[in-house]
Amino acid sequence: MKRSVTVNVNKEKLSAIEMYLEQKNTTLAAELDKYIEQLYSKVVPQNVRDFIDMKSMKKPARKPKNPASAEPEKQSEQ
């Protein structure tokens, strides 16, 4: 689940940031996403990040552990 964060920024500064980010072919949202990930990695302990990752993982469809043990394909006789 994602949540929004609101930040108040001087209008002229925001305009300048967006202009220069556009020249670098990126956006403010993309840069903020990167910074949030860096901050998360720096501040949140690894064991907590691991726990959150485990909770957020979707359970994959069950697959046989050993595909070689699956029923062999029938070979056609020539």
C-alpha atoms as a PDB file:
ATOM      1  CA  MET A   1       0.000   0.000   0.000  1.00  0.00           C
ATOM      2  CA  LYS A   2       1.381   3.372  -0.958  1.00  0.00           C
ATOM      3  CA  ARG A   3       0.760   6.646   0.817  1.00  0.00           C
ATOM      4  CA  SER A   4       1.231  10.216  -0.307  1.00  0.00           C
ATOM      5  CA  VAL A   5       3.471  12.822   1.268  1.00  0.00           C
ATOM      6  CA  THR A   6       2.928  16.547   0.826  1.00  0.00           C
ATOM      7  CA  VAL A   7       5.853  18.953   0.884  1.00  0.00           C
ATOM      8  CA  ASN A   8       5.661  22.726   0.724  1.00  0.00           C
ATOM      9  CA  VAL A   9       8.214  24.234  -1.664  1.00  0.00           C
ATOM     10  CA  ASN A  10       8.838  27.770  -2.876  1.00  0.00           C
ATOM     11  CA  LYS A  11       7.141  28.128  -6.269  1.00  0.00           C
ATOM     12  CA  GLU A  12      10.214  29.562  -8.036  1.00  0.00           C
ATOM     13  CA  LYS A  13      12.522  26.889  -6.593  1.00  0.00           C
ATOM     14  CA  LEU A  14      10.142  24.129  -7.638  1.00  0.00           C
ATOM     15  CA  SER A  15       9.913  25.549 -11.136  1.00  0.00           C
ATOM     16  CA  ALA A  16      13.721  25.685 -11.404  1.00  0.00           C
ATOM     17  CA  ILE A  17      14.072  22.106 -10.106  1.00  0.00           C
ATOM     18  CA  GLU A  18      11.537  20.813 -12.623  1.00  0.00           C
ATOM     19  CA  MET A  19      13.169  22.719 -15.487  1.00  0.00           C
ATOM     20  CA  TYR A  20      16.656  21.339 -14.789  1.00  0.00           C
ATOM     21  CA  LEU A  21      15.400  17.820 -14.126  1.00  0.00           C
ATOM     22  CA  GLU A  22      13.621  17.894 -17.482  1.00  0.00           C
ATOM     23  CA  GLN A  23      16.956  18.740 -19.139  1.00  0.00           C
ATOM     24  CA  LYS A  24      18.323  15.577 -17.515  1.00  0.00           C
ATOM     25  CA  ASN A  25      15.341  13.578 -18.846  1.00  0.00           C
ATOM     26  CA  THR A  26      13.945  12.840 -15.410  1.00  0.00           C
ATOM     27  CA  THR A  27      11.174  14.081 -13.164  1.00  0.00           C
ATOM     28  CA  LEU A  28      10.819  15.302  -9.623  1.00  0.00           C
ATOM     29  CA  ALA A  29       8.746  12.229  -8.773  1.00  0.00           C
ATOM     30  CA  ALA A  30      11.470   9.891 -10.080  1.00  0.00           C
ATOM     31  CA  GLU A  31      14.180  11.698  -8.127  1.00  0.00           C
ATOM     32  CA  LEU A  32      12.098  11.724  -4.955  1.00  0.00           C
ATOM     33  CA  ASP A  33      11.415   7.984  -5.340  1.00  0.00           C
ATOM     34  CA  LYS A  34      15.175   7.363  -5.531  1.00  0.00           C
ATOM     35  CA  TYR A  35      15.836   9.553  -2.513  1.00  0.00           C
ATOM     36  CA  ILE A  36      13.089   7.872  -0.469  1.00  0.00           C
ATOM     37  CA  GLU A  37      14.657   4.465  -1.212  1.00  0.00           C
ATOM     38  CA  GLN A  38      18.096   5.750  -0.158  1.00  0.00           C
ATOM     39  CA  LEU A  39      16.666   7.238   3.017  1.00  0.00           C
ATOM     40  CA  TYR A  40      14.746   4.034   3.760  1.00  0.00           C
ATOM     41  CA  SER A  41      17.923   1.950   3.358  1.00  0.00           C
ATOM     42  CA  LYS A  42      19.898   4.348   5.551  1.00  0.00           C
ATOM     43  CA  VAL A  43      17.387   4.717   8.387  1.00  0.00           C
ATOM     44  CA  VAL A  44      15.443   1.442   8.609  1.00  0.00           C
ATOM     45  CA  PRO A  45      17.424  -1.515  10.016  1.00  0.00           C
ATOM     46  CA  GLN A  46      18.070  -4.398   7.600  1.00  0.00           C
ATOM     47  CA  ASN A  47      16.074  -6.926   9.629  1.00  0.00           C
ATOM     48  CA  VAL A  48      13.015  -4.645   9.521  1.00  0.00           C
ATOM     49  CA  ARG A  49      13.422  -4.149   5.756  1.00  0.00           C
ATOM     50  CA  ASP A  50      13.661  -7.923   5.309  1.00  0.00           C
ATOM     51  CA  PHE A  51      10.491  -8.410   7.334  1.00  0.00           C
ATOM     52  CA  ILE A  52       8.612  -5.788   5.305  1.00  0.00           C
ATOM     53  CA  ASP A  53       9.841  -7.389   2.072  1.00  0.00           C
ATOM     54  CA  MET A  54       8.620 -10.807   3.222  1.00  0.00           C
ATOM     55  CA  LYS A  55       5.212  -9.369   4.136  1.00  0.00           C
ATOM     56  CA  SER A  56       4.795  -7.579   0.837  1.00  0.00           C
ATOM     57  CA  MET A  57       5.849 -10.487  -1.383  1.00  0.00           C
ATOM     58  CA  LYS A  58       3.070 -12.149  -3.307  1.00  0.00           C
ATOM     59  CA  LYS A  59       3.024 -15.893  -2.989  1.00  0.00           C
ATOM     60  CA  PRO A  60       4.160 -17.372  -6.310  1.00  0.00           C
ATOM     61  CA  ALA A  61       2.183 -20.124  -7.986  1.00  0.00           C
ATOM     62  CA  ARG A  62       3.345 -23.537  -6.834  1.00  0.00           C
ATOM     63  CA  LYS A  63       5.820 -25.110  -9.203  1.00  0.00           C
ATOM     64  CA  PRO A  64       7.424 -28.519  -8.927  1.00  0.00           C
ATOM     65  CA  LYS A  65      10.767 -28.250  -7.159  1.00  0.00           C
ATOM     66  CA  ASN A  66      12.430 -30.604  -9.612  1.00  0.00           C
ATOM     67  CA  PRO A  67      11.166 -30.175 -13.173  1.00  0.00           C
ATOM     68  CA  ALA A  68      13.172 -33.256 -14.236  1.00  0.00           C
ATOM     69  CA  SER A  69      10.925 -35.395 -12.039  1.00  0.00           C
ATOM     70  CA  ALA A  70       7.874 -34.260 -14.012  1.00  0.00           C
ATOM     71  CA  GLU A  71       6.319 -36.731 -16.430  1.00  0.00           C
ATOM     72  CA  PRO A  72       8.699 -37.233 -19.378  1.00  0.00           C
ATOM     73  CA  GLU A  73       7.474 -36.298 -22.826  1.00  0.00           C
ATOM     74  CA  LYS A  74       6.545 -39.157 -25.148  1.00  0.00           C
ATOM     75  CA  GLN A  75       8.994 -39.630 -27.974  1.00  0.00           C
ATOM     76  CA  SER A  76       7.578 -40.340 -31.404  1.00  0.00           C
ATOM     77  CA  GLU A  77       8.873 -43.415 -33.168  1.00  0.00           C
ATOM     78  CA  GLN A  78      10.277 -42.996 -36.649  1.00  0.00           C
END
